[in-house]
PDB file of N, CA and C in Angstrom:
ATOM      1  N   MET A   1      -3.930 -14.281  -0.004  1.00  0.00           N
ATOM      2  CA  MET A   1      -5.372 -14.127   0.016  1.00  0.00           C
ATOM      3  C   MET A   1      -5.772 -13.125  -1.064  1.00  0.00           C
ATOM      4  N   THR A   2      -6.690 -13.499  -1.877  1.00  0.00           N
ATOM      5  CA  THR A   2      -7.150 -12.645  -2.961  1.00  0.00           C
ATOM      6  C   THR A   2      -7.916 -11.455  -2.408  1.00  0.00           C
ATOM      7  N   ASP A   3      -7.811 -10.352  -3.124  1.00  0.00           N
ATOM      8  CA  ASP A   3      -8.560  -9.157  -2.766  1.00  0.00           C
ATOM      9  C   ASP A   3     -10.056  -9.489  -2.833  1.00  0.00           C
ATOM     10  N   GLU A   4     -10.868  -8.597  -2.351  1.00  0.00           N
ATOM     11  CA  GLU A   4     -12.294  -8.822  -2.273  1.00  0.00           C
ATOM     12  C   GLU A   4     -12.923  -8.913  -3.659  1.00  0.00           C
ATOM     13  N   PRO A   5     -14.016  -9.667  -3.790  1.00  0.00           N
ATOM     14  CA  PRO A   5     -14.674  -9.812  -5.091  1.00  0.00           C
ATOM     15  C   PRO A   5     -15.011  -8.455  -5.715  1.00  0.00           C
ATOM     16  N   GLY A   6     -14.787  -8.354  -7.000  1.00  0.00           N
ATOM     17  CA  GLY A   6     -15.092  -7.122  -7.715  1.00  0.00           C
ATOM     18  C   GLY A   6     -13.951  -6.124  -7.742  1.00  0.00           C
ATOM     19  N   ARG A   7     -12.904  -6.373  -6.980  1.00  0.00           N
ATOM     20  CA  ARG A   7     -11.738  -5.482  -6.977  1.00  0.00           C
ATOM     21  C   ARG A   7     -10.583  -6.182  -7.681  1.00  0.00           C
ATOM     22  N   GLU A   8      -9.878  -5.420  -8.464  1.00  0.00           N
ATOM     23  CA  GLU A   8      -8.709  -5.954  -9.157  1.00  0.00           C
ATOM     24  C   GLU A   8      -7.621  -6.291  -8.136  1.00  0.00           C
ATOM     25  N   PRO A   9      -7.097  -7.519  -8.168  1.00  0.00           N
ATOM     26  CA  PRO A   9      -5.990  -7.854  -7.269  1.00  0.00           C
ATOM     27  C   PRO A   9      -4.653  -7.426  -7.874  1.00  0.00           C
ATOM     28  N   ALA A  10      -3.641  -7.402  -7.057  1.00  0.00           N
ATOM     29  CA  ALA A  10      -2.291  -7.092  -7.525  1.00  0.00           C
ATOM     30  C   ALA A  10      -1.638  -8.393  -7.987  1.00  0.00           C
ATOM     31  N   HIS A  11      -1.468  -8.522  -9.293  1.00  0.00           N
ATOM     32  CA  HIS A  11      -0.822  -9.714  -9.848  1.00  0.00           C
ATOM     33  C   HIS A  11       0.689  -9.566  -9.882  1.00  0.00           C
ATOM     34  N   ASP A  12       1.159  -8.359  -9.619  1.00  0.00           N
ATOM     35  CA  ASP A  12       2.580  -8.030  -9.623  1.00  0.00           C
ATOM     36  C   ASP A  12       2.770  -7.022  -8.487  1.00  0.00           C
ATOM     37  N   PRO A  13       3.898  -7.063  -7.781  1.00  0.00           N
ATOM     38  CA  PRO A  13       4.071  -6.083  -6.703  1.00  0.00           C
ATOM     39  C   PRO A  13       4.026  -4.638  -7.191  1.00  0.00           C
ATOM     40  N   GLN A  14       4.361  -4.408  -8.459  1.00  0.00           N
ATOM     41  CA  GLN A  14       4.302  -3.061  -9.035  1.00  0.00           C
ATOM     42  C   GLN A  14       2.867  -2.534  -9.108  1.00  0.00           C
ATOM     43  N   ASP A  15       1.871  -3.422  -9.046  1.00  0.00           N
ATOM     44  CA  ASP A  15       0.464  -3.010  -9.126  1.00  0.00           C
ATOM     45  C   ASP A  15      -0.028  -2.344  -7.843  1.00  0.00           C
ATOM     46  N   LEU A  16       0.610  -2.628  -6.721  1.00  0.00           N
ATOM     47  CA  LEU A  16       0.075  -2.213  -5.429  1.00  0.00           C
ATOM     48  C   LEU A  16      -0.079  -0.705  -5.286  1.00  0.00           C
ATOM     49  N   GLU A  17       0.927   0.058  -5.670  1.00  0.00           N
ATOM     50  CA  GLU A  17       0.834   1.506  -5.518  1.00  0.00           C
ATOM     51  C   GLU A  17      -0.296   2.085  -6.364  1.00  0.00           C
ATOM     52  N   ARG A  18      -0.368   1.659  -7.621  1.00  0.00           N
ATOM     53  CA  ARG A  18      -1.421   2.146  -8.521  1.00  0.00           C
ATOM     54  C   ARG A  18      -2.801   1.839  -7.939  1.00  0.00           C
ATOM     55  N   LEU A  19      -2.970   0.621  -7.437  1.00  0.00           N
ATOM     56  CA  LEU A  19      -4.260   0.243  -6.862  1.00  0.00           C
ATOM     57  C   LEU A  19      -4.581   1.056  -5.616  1.00  0.00           C
ATOM     58  N   LEU A  20      -3.585   1.271  -4.759  1.00  0.00           N
ATOM     59  CA  LEU A  20      -3.809   2.062  -3.548  1.00  0.00           C
ATOM     60  C   LEU A  20      -4.247   3.481  -3.903  1.00  0.00           C
ATOM     61  N   ILE A  21      -3.544   4.109  -4.815  1.00  0.00           N
ATOM     62  CA  ILE A  21      -3.870   5.490  -5.194  1.00  0.00           C
ATOM     63  C   ILE A  21      -5.238   5.566  -5.847  1.00  0.00           C
ATOM     64  N   SER A  22      -5.523   4.677  -6.780  1.00  0.00           N
ATOM     65  CA  SER A  22      -6.813   4.749  -7.481  1.00  0.00           C
ATOM     66  C   SER A  22      -7.966   4.495  -6.519  1.00  0.00           C
ATOM     67  N   ARG A  23      -7.780   3.620  -5.561  1.00  0.00           N
ATOM     68  CA  ARG A  23      -8.844   3.363  -4.582  1.00  0.00           C
ATOM     69  C   ARG A  23      -9.023   4.546  -3.644  1.00  0.00           C
ATOM     70  N   GLN A  24      -7.932   5.190  -3.254  1.00  0.00           N
ATOM     71  CA  GLN A  24      -8.071   6.341  -2.382  1.00  0.00           C
ATOM     72  C   GLN A  24      -8.794   7.478  -3.095  1.00  0.00           C
ATOM     73  N   TRP A  25      -8.472   7.697  -4.356  1.00  0.00           N
ATOM     74  CA  TRP A  25      -9.072   8.801  -5.105  1.00  0.00           C
ATOM     75  C   TRP A  25     -10.581   8.660  -5.265  1.00  0.00           C
ATOM     76  N   VAL A  26     -11.090   7.420  -5.201  1.00  0.00           N
ATOM     77  CA  VAL A  26     -12.544   7.228  -5.288  1.00  0.00           C
ATOM     78  C   VAL A  26     -13.168   6.950  -3.926  1.00  0.00           C
ATOM     79  N   GLY A  27     -12.360   7.030  -2.862  1.00  0.00           N
ATOM     80  CA  GLY A  27     -12.887   6.854  -1.513  1.00  0.00           C
ATOM     81  C   GLY A  27     -13.108   5.411  -1.100  1.00  0.00           C
ATOM     82  N   ASP A  28     -12.463   4.453  -1.760  1.00  0.00           N
ATOM     83  CA  ASP A  28     -12.616   3.028  -1.435  1.00  0.00           C
ATOM     84  C   ASP A  28     -11.642   2.649  -0.322  1.00  0.00           C
ATOM     85  N   ILE A  29     -11.996   3.018   0.892  1.00  0.00           N
ATOM     86  CA  ILE A  29     -11.130   2.791   2.043  1.00  0.00           C
ATOM     87  C   ILE A  29     -10.970   1.296   2.324  1.00  0.00           C
ATOM     88  N   ASP A  30     -12.049   0.525   2.206  1.00  0.00           N
ATOM     89  CA  ASP A  30     -11.933  -0.921   2.403  1.00  0.00           C
ATOM     90  C   ASP A  30     -10.999  -1.532   1.361  1.00  0.00           C
ATOM     91  N   GLY A  31     -11.067  -1.036   0.143  1.00  0.00           N
ATOM     92  CA  GLY A  31     -10.177  -1.527  -0.910  1.00  0.00           C
ATOM     93  C   GLY A  31      -8.730  -1.175  -0.642  1.00  0.00           C
ATOM     94  N   MET A  32      -8.495  -0.013  -0.064  1.00  0.00           N
ATOM     95  CA  MET A  32      -7.133   0.371   0.314  1.00  0.00           C
ATOM     96  C   MET A  32      -6.606  -0.585   1.383  1.00  0.00           C
ATOM     97  N   ALA A  33      -7.393  -0.800   2.422  1.00  0.00           N
ATOM     98  CA  ALA A  33      -6.981  -1.677   3.517  1.00  0.00           C
ATOM     99  C   ALA A  33      -6.785  -3.111   3.050  1.00  0.00           C
ATOM    100  N   ALA A  34      -7.524  -3.517   2.039  1.00  0.00           N
ATOM    101  CA  ALA A  34      -7.404  -4.890   1.526  1.00  0.00           C
ATOM    102  C   ALA A  34      -6.035  -5.156   0.921  1.00  0.00           C
ATOM    103  N   LEU A  35      -5.321  -4.113   0.540  1.00  0.00           N
ATOM    104  CA  LEU A  35      -3.981  -4.278  -0.035  1.00  0.00           C
ATOM    105  C   LEU A  35      -2.919  -4.465   1.044  1.00  0.00           C
ATOM    106  N   GLU A  36      -3.306  -4.278   2.307  1.00  0.00           N
ATOM    107  CA  GLU A  36      -2.342  -4.322   3.404  1.00  0.00           C
ATOM    108  C   GLU A  36      -2.867  -5.171   4.562  1.00  0.00           C
ATOM    109  N   GLN A  37      -3.465  -6.293   4.244  1.00  0.00           N
ATOM    110  CA  GLN A  37      -3.989  -7.162   5.287  1.00  0.00           C
ATOM    111  C   GLN A  37      -2.853  -7.686   6.151  1.00  0.00           C
ATOM    112  N   ASN A  38      -3.061  -7.665   7.441  1.00  0.00           N
ATOM    113  CA  ASN A  38      -2.063  -8.169   8.398  1.00  0.00           C
ATOM    114  C   ASN A  38      -0.703  -7.501   8.235  1.00  0.00           C
ATOM    115  N   ALA A  39      -0.703  -6.244   7.893  1.00  0.00           N
ATOM    116  CA  ALA A  39       0.534  -5.495   7.653  1.00  0.00           C
ATOM    117  C   ALA A  39       0.846  -4.578   8.824  1.00  0.00           C
ATOM    118  N   VAL A  40       1.994  -3.918   8.711  1.00  0.00           N
ATOM    119  CA  VAL A  40       2.360  -2.842   9.620  1.00  0.00           C
ATOM    120  C   VAL A  40       2.675  -1.622   8.764  1.00  0.00           C
ATOM    121  N   VAL A  41       2.121  -0.470   9.153  1.00  0.00           N
ATOM    122  CA  VAL A  41       2.303   0.769   8.407  1.00  0.00           C
ATOM    123  C   VAL A  41       3.004   1.790   9.298  1.00  0.00           C
ATOM    124  N   ASP A  42       4.049   2.382   8.755  1.00  0.00           N
ATOM    125  CA  ASP A  42       4.730   3.498   9.409  1.00  0.00           C
ATOM    126  C   ASP A  42       4.386   4.739   8.598  1.00  0.00           C
ATOM    127  N   SER A  43       3.435   5.513   9.097  1.00  0.00           N
ATOM    128  CA  SER A  43       2.961   6.689   8.366  1.00  0.00           C
ATOM    129  C   SER A  43       3.798   7.925   8.657  1.00  0.00           C
ATOM    130  N   GLY A  44       4.839   7.764   9.467  1.00  0.00           N
ATOM    131  CA  GLY A  44       5.690   8.895   9.780  1.00  0.00           C
ATOM    132  C   GLY A  44       5.182   9.742  10.928  1.00  0.00           C
ATOM    133  N   GLU A  45       4.166   9.296  11.598  1.00  0.00           N
ATOM    134  CA  GLU A  45       3.589  10.041  12.710  1.00  0.00           C
ATOM    135  C   GLU A  45       4.136   9.569  14.053  1.00  0.00           C
ATOM    136  N   GLY A  46       5.201   8.768  14.035  1.00  0.00           N
ATOM    137  CA  GLY A  46       5.814   8.316  15.271  1.00  0.00           C
ATOM    138  C   GLY A  46       5.205   7.072  15.868  1.00  0.00           C
ATOM    139  N   GLN A  47       4.281   6.442  15.154  1.00  0.00           N
ATOM    140  CA  GLN A  47       3.696   5.208  15.660  1.00  0.00           C
ATOM    141  C   GLN A  47       3.456   4.253  14.497  1.00  0.00           C
ATOM    142  N   LEU A  48       3.430   2.967  14.811  1.00  0.00           N
ATOM    143  CA  LEU A  48       3.169   1.948  13.807  1.00  0.00           C
ATOM    144  C   LEU A  48       1.705   1.546  13.894  1.00  0.00           C
ATOM    145  N   THR A  49       1.101   1.335  12.749  1.00  0.00           N
ATOM    146  CA  THR A  49      -0.287   0.898  12.672  1.00  0.00           C
ATOM    147  C   THR A  49      -0.271  -0.547  12.204  1.00  0.00           C
ATOM    148  N   ARG A  50      -0.919  -1.425  12.962  1.00  0.00           N
ATOM    149  CA  ARG A  50      -0.880  -2.857  12.665  1.00  0.00           C
ATOM    150  C   ARG A  50      -2.273  -3.430  12.467  1.00  0.00           C
ATOM    151  N   GLY A  51      -2.412  -4.300  11.479  1.00  0.00           N
ATOM    152  CA  GLY A  51      -3.654  -5.021  11.252  1.00  0.00           C
ATOM    153  C   GLY A  51      -4.627  -4.257  10.376  1.00  0.00           C
ATOM    154  N   ARG A  52      -5.476  -5.025   9.713  1.00  0.00           N
ATOM    155  CA  ARG A  52      -6.373  -4.456   8.714  1.00  0.00           C
ATOM    156  C   ARG A  52      -7.320  -3.392   9.264  1.00  0.00           C
ATOM    157  N   GLU A  53      -7.924  -3.620  10.405  1.00  0.00           N
ATOM    158  CA  GLU A  53      -8.890  -2.647  10.935  1.00  0.00           C
ATOM    159  C   GLU A  53      -8.212  -1.344  11.327  1.00  0.00           C
ATOM    160  N   ALA A  54      -7.053  -1.430  11.950  1.00  0.00           N
ATOM    161  CA  ALA A  54      -6.328  -0.210  12.325  1.00  0.00           C
ATOM    162  C   ALA A  54      -5.830   0.520  11.086  1.00  0.00           C
ATOM    163  N   ILE A  55      -5.385  -0.233  10.083  1.00  0.00           N
ATOM    164  CA  ILE A  55      -4.941   0.383   8.829  1.00  0.00           C
ATOM    165  C   ILE A  55      -6.123   1.020   8.115  1.00  0.00           C
ATOM    166  N   ARG A  56      -7.273   0.358   8.146  1.00  0.00           N
ATOM    167  CA  ARG A  56      -8.480   0.938   7.549  1.00  0.00           C
ATOM    168  C   ARG A  56      -8.798   2.272   8.221  1.00  0.00           C
ATOM    169  N   ALA A  57      -8.727   2.323   9.547  1.00  0.00           N
ATOM    170  CA  ALA A  57      -9.003   3.560  10.285  1.00  0.00           C
ATOM    171  C   ALA A  57      -7.999   4.650   9.908  1.00  0.00           C
ATOM    172  N   LEU A  58      -6.722   4.291   9.756  1.00  0.00           N
ATOM    173  CA  LEU A  58      -5.704   5.254   9.333  1.00  0.00           C
ATOM    174  C   LEU A  58      -6.035   5.818   7.953  1.00  0.00           C
ATOM    175  N   PHE A  59      -6.378   4.944   7.010  1.00  0.00           N
ATOM    176  CA  PHE A  59      -6.712   5.404   5.658  1.00  0.00           C
ATOM    177  C   PHE A  59      -7.991   6.242   5.655  1.00  0.00           C
ATOM    178  N   ALA A  60      -8.947   5.890   6.492  1.00  0.00           N
ATOM    179  CA  ALA A  60     -10.180   6.682   6.587  1.00  0.00           C
ATOM    180  C   ALA A  60      -9.862   8.080   7.106  1.00  0.00           C
ATOM    181  N   GLU A  61      -8.992   8.160   8.094  1.00  0.00           N
ATOM    182  CA  GLU A  61      -8.597   9.455   8.661  1.00  0.00           C
ATOM    183  C   GLU A  61      -7.877  10.310   7.611  1.00  0.00           C
ATOM    184  N   ILE A  62      -6.934   9.712   6.898  1.00  0.00           N
ATOM    185  CA  ILE A  62      -6.196  10.448   5.862  1.00  0.00           C
ATOM    186  C   ILE A  62      -7.141  10.919   4.763  1.00  0.00           C
ATOM    187  N   THR A  63      -8.021  10.042   4.329  1.00  0.00           N
ATOM    188  CA  THR A  63      -8.950  10.371   3.240  1.00  0.00           C
ATOM    189  C   THR A  63      -9.931  11.461   3.672  1.00  0.00           C
ATOM    190  N   ALA A  64     -10.357  11.429   4.932  1.00  0.00           N
ATOM    191  CA  ALA A  64     -11.303  12.430   5.442  1.00  0.00           C
ATOM    192  C   ALA A  64     -10.713  13.832   5.428  1.00  0.00           C
ATOM    193  N   THR A  65      -9.394  13.948   5.490  1.00  0.00           N
ATOM    194  CA  THR A  65      -8.764  15.270   5.455  1.00  0.00           C
ATOM    195  C   THR A  65      -8.808  15.890   4.052  1.00  0.00           C
ATOM    196  N   GLY A  66      -9.129  15.058   3.057  1.00  0.00           N
ATOM    197  CA  GLY A  66      -9.119  15.540   1.674  1.00  0.00           C
ATOM    198  C   GLY A  66      -7.767  15.368   0.999  1.00  0.00           C
ATOM    199  N   ARG A  67      -6.783  14.937   1.768  1.00  0.00           N
ATOM    200  CA  ARG A  67      -5.454  14.694   1.198  1.00  0.00           C
ATOM    201  C   ARG A  67      -5.526  13.535   0.219  1.00  0.00           C
ATOM    202  N   LYS A  68      -4.935  13.727  -0.937  1.00  0.00           N
ATOM    203  CA  LYS A  68      -4.893  12.670  -1.952  1.00  0.00           C
ATOM    204  C   LYS A  68      -3.468  12.185  -2.122  1.00  0.00           C
ATOM    205  N   PHE A  69      -3.303  10.875  -2.163  1.00  0.00           N
ATOM    206  CA  PHE A  69      -1.993  10.317  -2.448  1.00  0.00           C
ATOM    207  C   PHE A  69      -1.606  10.681  -3.867  1.00  0.00           C
ATOM    208  N   ALA A  70      -0.353  11.024  -4.063  1.00  0.00           N
ATOM    209  CA  ALA A  70       0.137  11.408  -5.387  1.00  0.00           C
ATOM    210  C   ALA A  70       0.914  10.250  -5.998  1.00  0.00           C
ATOM    211  N   ALA A  71       0.783  10.104  -7.297  1.00  0.00           N
ATOM    212  CA  ALA A  71       1.593   9.129  -8.016  1.00  0.00           C
ATOM    213  C   ALA A  71       2.989   9.709  -8.176  1.00  0.00           C
ATOM    214  N   GLY A  72       3.959   8.857  -8.091  1.00  0.00           N
ATOM    215  CA  GLY A  72       5.339   9.296  -8.236  1.00  0.00           C
ATOM    216  C   GLY A  72       6.085   8.439  -9.228  1.00  0.00           C
ATOM    217  N   ASN A  73       7.391   8.487  -9.136  1.00  0.00           N
ATOM    218  CA  ASN A  73       8.256   7.697  -9.999  1.00  0.00           C
ATOM    219  C   ASN A  73       8.570   6.395  -9.270  1.00  0.00           C
ATOM    220  N   GLN A  74       7.886   5.334  -9.648  1.00  0.00           N
ATOM    221  CA  GLN A  74       8.038   4.060  -8.972  1.00  0.00           C
ATOM    222  C   GLN A  74       9.277   3.332  -9.497  1.00  0.00           C
ATOM    223  N   ALA A  75      10.126   2.900  -8.580  1.00  0.00           N
ATOM    224  CA  ALA A  75      11.311   2.119  -8.954  1.00  0.00           C
ATOM    225  C   ALA A  75      10.879   0.688  -9.257  1.00  0.00           C
ATOM    226  N   PRO A  76      11.616  -0.006 -10.103  1.00  0.00           N
ATOM    227  CA  PRO A  76      11.287  -1.413 -10.349  1.00  0.00           C
ATOM    228  C   PRO A  76      11.359  -2.208  -9.038  1.00  0.00           C
ATOM    229  N   ALA A  77      10.410  -3.088  -8.842  1.00  0.00           N
ATOM    230  CA  ALA A  77      10.399  -3.918  -7.631  1.00  0.00           C
ATOM    231  C   ALA A  77      11.611  -4.840  -7.630  1.00  0.00           C
ATOM    232  N   VAL A  78      12.157  -5.047  -6.449  1.00  0.00           N
ATOM    233  CA  VAL A  78      13.224  -6.023  -6.257  1.00  0.00           C
ATOM    234  C   VAL A  78      12.547  -7.254  -5.664  1.00  0.00           C
ATOM    235  N   VAL A  79      12.533  -8.356  -6.430  1.00  0.00           N
ATOM    236  CA  VAL A  79      11.801  -9.549  -6.029  1.00  0.00           C
ATOM    237  C   VAL A  79      12.774 -10.671  -5.689  1.00  0.00           C
ATOM    238  N   SER A  80      12.525 -11.313  -4.552  1.00  0.00           N
ATOM    239  CA  SER A  80      13.283 -12.490  -4.136  1.00  0.00           C
ATOM    240  C   SER A  80      12.272 -13.516  -3.654  1.00  0.00           C
ATOM    241  N   GLY A  81      12.009 -14.510  -4.474  1.00  0.00           N
ATOM    242  CA  GLY A  81      11.021 -15.527  -4.113  1.00  0.00           C
ATOM    243  C   GLY A  81       9.647 -14.918  -3.932  1.00  0.00           C
ATOM    244  N   ASP A  82       9.108 -15.058  -2.736  1.00  0.00           N
ATOM    245  CA  ASP A  82       7.768 -14.555  -2.441  1.00  0.00           C
ATOM    246  C   ASP A  82       7.767 -13.193  -1.769  1.00  0.00           C
ATOM    247  N   LEU A  83       8.916 -12.516  -1.749  1.00  0.00           N
ATOM    248  CA  LEU A  83       9.008 -11.172  -1.176  1.00  0.00           C
ATOM    249  C   LEU A  83       9.448 -10.182  -2.235  1.00  0.00           C
ATOM    250  N   ALA A  84       8.986  -8.945  -2.087  1.00  0.00           N
ATOM    251  CA  ALA A  84       9.380  -7.883  -3.014  1.00  0.00           C
ATOM    252  C   ALA A  84       9.521  -6.574  -2.255  1.00  0.00           C
ATOM    253  N   LEU A  85      10.527  -5.806  -2.637  1.00  0.00           N
ATOM    254  CA  LEU A  85      10.715  -4.460  -2.114  1.00  0.00           C
ATOM    255  C   LEU A  85      10.243  -3.490  -3.180  1.00  0.00           C
ATOM    256  N   THR A  86       9.301  -2.625  -2.810  1.00  0.00           N
ATOM    257  CA  THR A  86       8.814  -1.599  -3.731  1.00  0.00           C
ATOM    258  C   THR A  86       9.135  -0.239  -3.136  1.00  0.00           C
ATOM    259  N   SER A  87       9.319   0.751  -4.002  1.00  0.00           N
ATOM    260  CA  SER A  87       9.571   2.107  -3.523  1.00  0.00           C
ATOM    261  C   SER A  87       9.191   3.102  -4.609  1.00  0.00           C
ATOM    262  N   THR A  88       8.877   4.305  -4.154  1.00  0.00           N
ATOM    263  CA  THR A  88       8.446   5.357  -5.068  1.00  0.00           C
ATOM    264  C   THR A  88       9.022   6.688  -4.618  1.00  0.00           C
ATOM    265  N   HIS A  89       9.538   7.446  -5.567  1.00  0.00           N
ATOM    266  CA  HIS A  89       9.984   8.820  -5.319  1.00  0.00           C
ATOM    267  C   HIS A  89       8.783   9.712  -5.625  1.00  0.00           C
ATOM    268  N   LEU A  90       8.254  10.368  -4.602  1.00  0.00           N
ATOM    269  CA  LEU A  90       7.035  11.176  -4.740  1.00  0.00           C
ATOM    270  C   LEU A  90       7.360  12.598  -5.190  1.00  0.00           C
ATOM    271  N   PRO A  91       6.367  13.294  -5.760  1.00  0.00           N
ATOM    272  CA  PRO A  91       6.593  14.656  -6.247  1.00  0.00           C
ATOM    273  C   PRO A  91       7.110  15.625  -5.187  1.00  0.00           C
ATOM    274  N   ASP A  92       6.785  15.390  -3.908  1.00  0.00           N
ATOM    275  CA  ASP A  92       7.248  16.303  -2.847  1.00  0.00           C
ATOM    276  C   ASP A  92       8.680  15.997  -2.388  1.00  0.00           C
ATOM    277  N   GLY A  93       9.329  15.018  -3.034  1.00  0.00           N
ATOM    278  CA  GLY A  93      10.708  14.683  -2.715  1.00  0.00           C
ATOM    279  C   GLY A  93      10.873  13.526  -1.753  1.00  0.00           C
ATOM    280  N   THR A  94       9.792  13.084  -1.122  1.00  0.00           N
ATOM    281  CA  THR A  94       9.900  11.938  -0.219  1.00  0.00           C
ATOM    282  C   THR A  94       9.978  10.646  -1.017  1.00  0.00           C
ATOM    283  N   VAL A  95      10.452   9.612  -0.346  1.00  0.00           N
ATOM    284  CA  VAL A  95      10.574   8.296  -0.947  1.00  0.00           C
ATOM    285  C   VAL A  95       9.866   7.303  -0.036  1.00  0.00           C
ATOM    286  N   THR A  96       9.027   6.461  -0.619  1.00  0.00           N
ATOM    287  CA  THR A  96       8.347   5.420   0.143  1.00  0.00           C
ATOM    288  C   THR A  96       9.132   4.119   0.038  1.00  0.00           C
ATOM    289  N   ALA A  97       8.876   3.212   0.957  1.00  0.00           N
ATOM    290  CA  ALA A  97       9.457   1.867   0.892  1.00  0.00           C
ATOM    291  C   ALA A  97       8.425   0.883   1.432  1.00  0.00           C
ATOM    292  N   GLU A  98       8.236  -0.208   0.701  1.00  0.00           N
ATOM    293  CA  GLU A  98       7.258  -1.212   1.103  1.00  0.00           C
ATOM    294  C   GLU A  98       7.836  -2.609   0.855  1.00  0.00           C
ATOM    295  N   VAL A  99       7.371  -3.549   1.643  1.00  0.00           N
ATOM    296  CA  VAL A  99       7.678  -4.953   1.414  1.00  0.00           C
ATOM    297  C   VAL A  99       6.354  -5.647   1.105  1.00  0.00           C
ATOM    298  N   ALA A 100       6.334  -6.362   0.001  1.00  0.00           N
ATOM    299  CA  ALA A 100       5.147  -7.111  -0.412  1.00  0.00           C
ATOM    300  C   ALA A 100       5.442  -8.603  -0.306  1.00  0.00           C
ATOM    301  N   ARG A 101       4.387  -9.372  -0.083  1.00  0.00           N
ATOM    302  CA  ARG A 101       4.515 -10.833  -0.038  1.00  0.00           C
ATOM    303  C   ARG A 101       3.531 -11.439  -1.036  1.00  0.00           C
ATOM    304  N   ARG A 102       4.047 -12.413  -1.802  1.00  0.00           N
ATOM    305  CA  ARG A 102       3.180 -13.157  -2.726  1.00  0.00           C
ATOM    306  C   ARG A 102       2.281 -14.065  -1.889  1.00  0.00           C
ATOM    307  N   GLN A 103       1.013 -14.047  -2.214  1.00  0.00           N
ATOM    308  CA  GLN A 103       0.028 -14.872  -1.518  1.00  0.00           C
ATOM    309  C   GLN A 103      -0.072 -16.244  -2.186  1.00  0.00           C
ATOM    310  N   GLY A 104      -0.742 -17.166  -1.542  1.00  0.00           N
ATOM    311  CA  GLY A 104      -0.892 -18.522  -2.065  1.00  0.00           C
ATOM    312  C   GLY A 104      -1.523 -18.596  -3.440  1.00  0.00           C
ATOM    313  N   ASP A 105      -2.354 -17.605  -3.763  1.00  0.00           N
ATOM    314  CA  ASP A 105      -3.013 -17.608  -5.074  1.00  0.00           C
ATOM    315  C   ASP A 105      -2.220 -16.836  -6.128  1.00  0.00           C
ATOM    316  N   GLY A 106      -1.008 -16.390  -5.767  1.00  0.00           N
ATOM    317  CA  GLY A 106      -0.155 -15.687  -6.726  1.00  0.00           C
ATOM    318  C   GLY A 106      -0.295 -14.175  -6.720  1.00  0.00           C
ATOM    319  N   THR A 107      -1.266 -13.633  -5.994  1.00  0.00           N
ATOM    320  CA  THR A 107      -1.418 -12.180  -5.909  1.00  0.00           C
ATOM    321  C   THR A 107      -0.457 -11.646  -4.853  1.00  0.00           C
ATOM    322  N   TRP A 108      -0.338 -10.324  -4.787  1.00  0.00           N
ATOM    323  CA  TRP A 108       0.607  -9.677  -3.872  1.00  0.00           C
ATOM    324  C   TRP A 108      -0.120  -8.738  -2.923  1.00  0.00           C
ATOM    325  N   LEU A 109       0.355  -8.684  -1.671  1.00  0.00           N
ATOM    326  CA  LEU A 109      -0.126  -7.728  -0.676  1.00  0.00           C
ATOM    327  C   LEU A 109       1.086  -7.136   0.030  1.00  0.00           C
ATOM    328  N   TRP A 110       0.969  -5.878   0.437  1.00  0.00           N
ATOM    329  CA  TRP A 110       2.018  -5.276   1.241  1.00  0.00           C
ATOM    330  C   TRP A 110       1.942  -5.830   2.653  1.00  0.00           C
ATOM    331  N   VAL A 111       3.105  -6.076   3.257  1.00  0.00           N
ATOM    332  CA  VAL A 111       3.162  -6.491   4.654  1.00  0.00           C
ATOM    333  C   VAL A 111       3.874  -5.446   5.513  1.00  0.00           C
ATOM    334  N   ILE A 112       4.663  -4.594   4.870  1.00  0.00           N
ATOM    335  CA  ILE A 112       5.292  -3.448   5.544  1.00  0.00           C
ATOM    336  C   ILE A 112       5.161  -2.259   4.609  1.00  0.00           C
ATOM    337  N   ASP A 113       4.733  -1.127   5.147  1.00  0.00           N
ATOM    338  CA  ASP A 113       4.549   0.076   4.341  1.00  0.00           C
ATOM    339  C   ASP A 113       5.096   1.256   5.126  1.00  0.00           C
ATOM    340  N   ARG A 114       6.136   1.869   4.613  1.00  0.00           N
ATOM    341  CA  ARG A 114       6.702   3.073   5.239  1.00  0.00           C
ATOM    342  C   ARG A 114       6.454   4.226   4.278  1.00  0.00           C
ATOM    343  N   PHE A 115       5.653   5.209   4.728  1.00  0.00           N
ATOM    344  CA  PHE A 115       5.261   6.327   3.875  1.00  0.00           C
ATOM    345  C   PHE A 115       6.439   7.184   3.430  1.00  0.00           C
ATOM    346  N   SER A 116       7.475   7.292   4.262  1.00  0.00           N
ATOM    347  CA  SER A 116       8.594   8.150   3.900  1.00  0.00           C
ATOM    348  C   SER A 116       9.871   7.659   4.549  1.00  0.00           C
ATOM    349  N   VAL A 117      10.889   7.446   3.714  1.00  0.00           N
ATOM    350  CA  VAL A 117      12.203   7.069   4.230  1.00  0.00           C
ATOM    351  C   VAL A 117      13.216   8.177   3.995  1.00  0.00           C
ATOM    352  N   ALA A 118      12.819   9.200   3.244  1.00  0.00           N
ATOM    353  CA  ALA A 118      13.733  10.329   2.969  1.00  0.00           C
ATOM    354  C   ALA A 118      12.958  11.633   2.953  1.00  0.00           C
TER     355      ALA A 118
END
């Protein structure tokens, strides 16, 4: 499913992190949630967040604190067919891990997002 009109879609799984960060920095919470439709997010708080509305609420809560996502050293995506594993080593030493799925129109969305694996 393509991202909402007027927003740049992810044509490559490597685009997802950049889009998430840039949308958060300008307060585009709906745009952030649009990258993770029908996904599950493990934010490291001991619970999983599922579905676009719950993920939107999570991103709204994080953004309201003033916390900004930091860009890190993104590893090359590992792609197998319509699935991709993405990960980033963040400046604070944590590492993220995500699974993206290619959509019918060729764009990519995350379906699993783990904020920290290390």
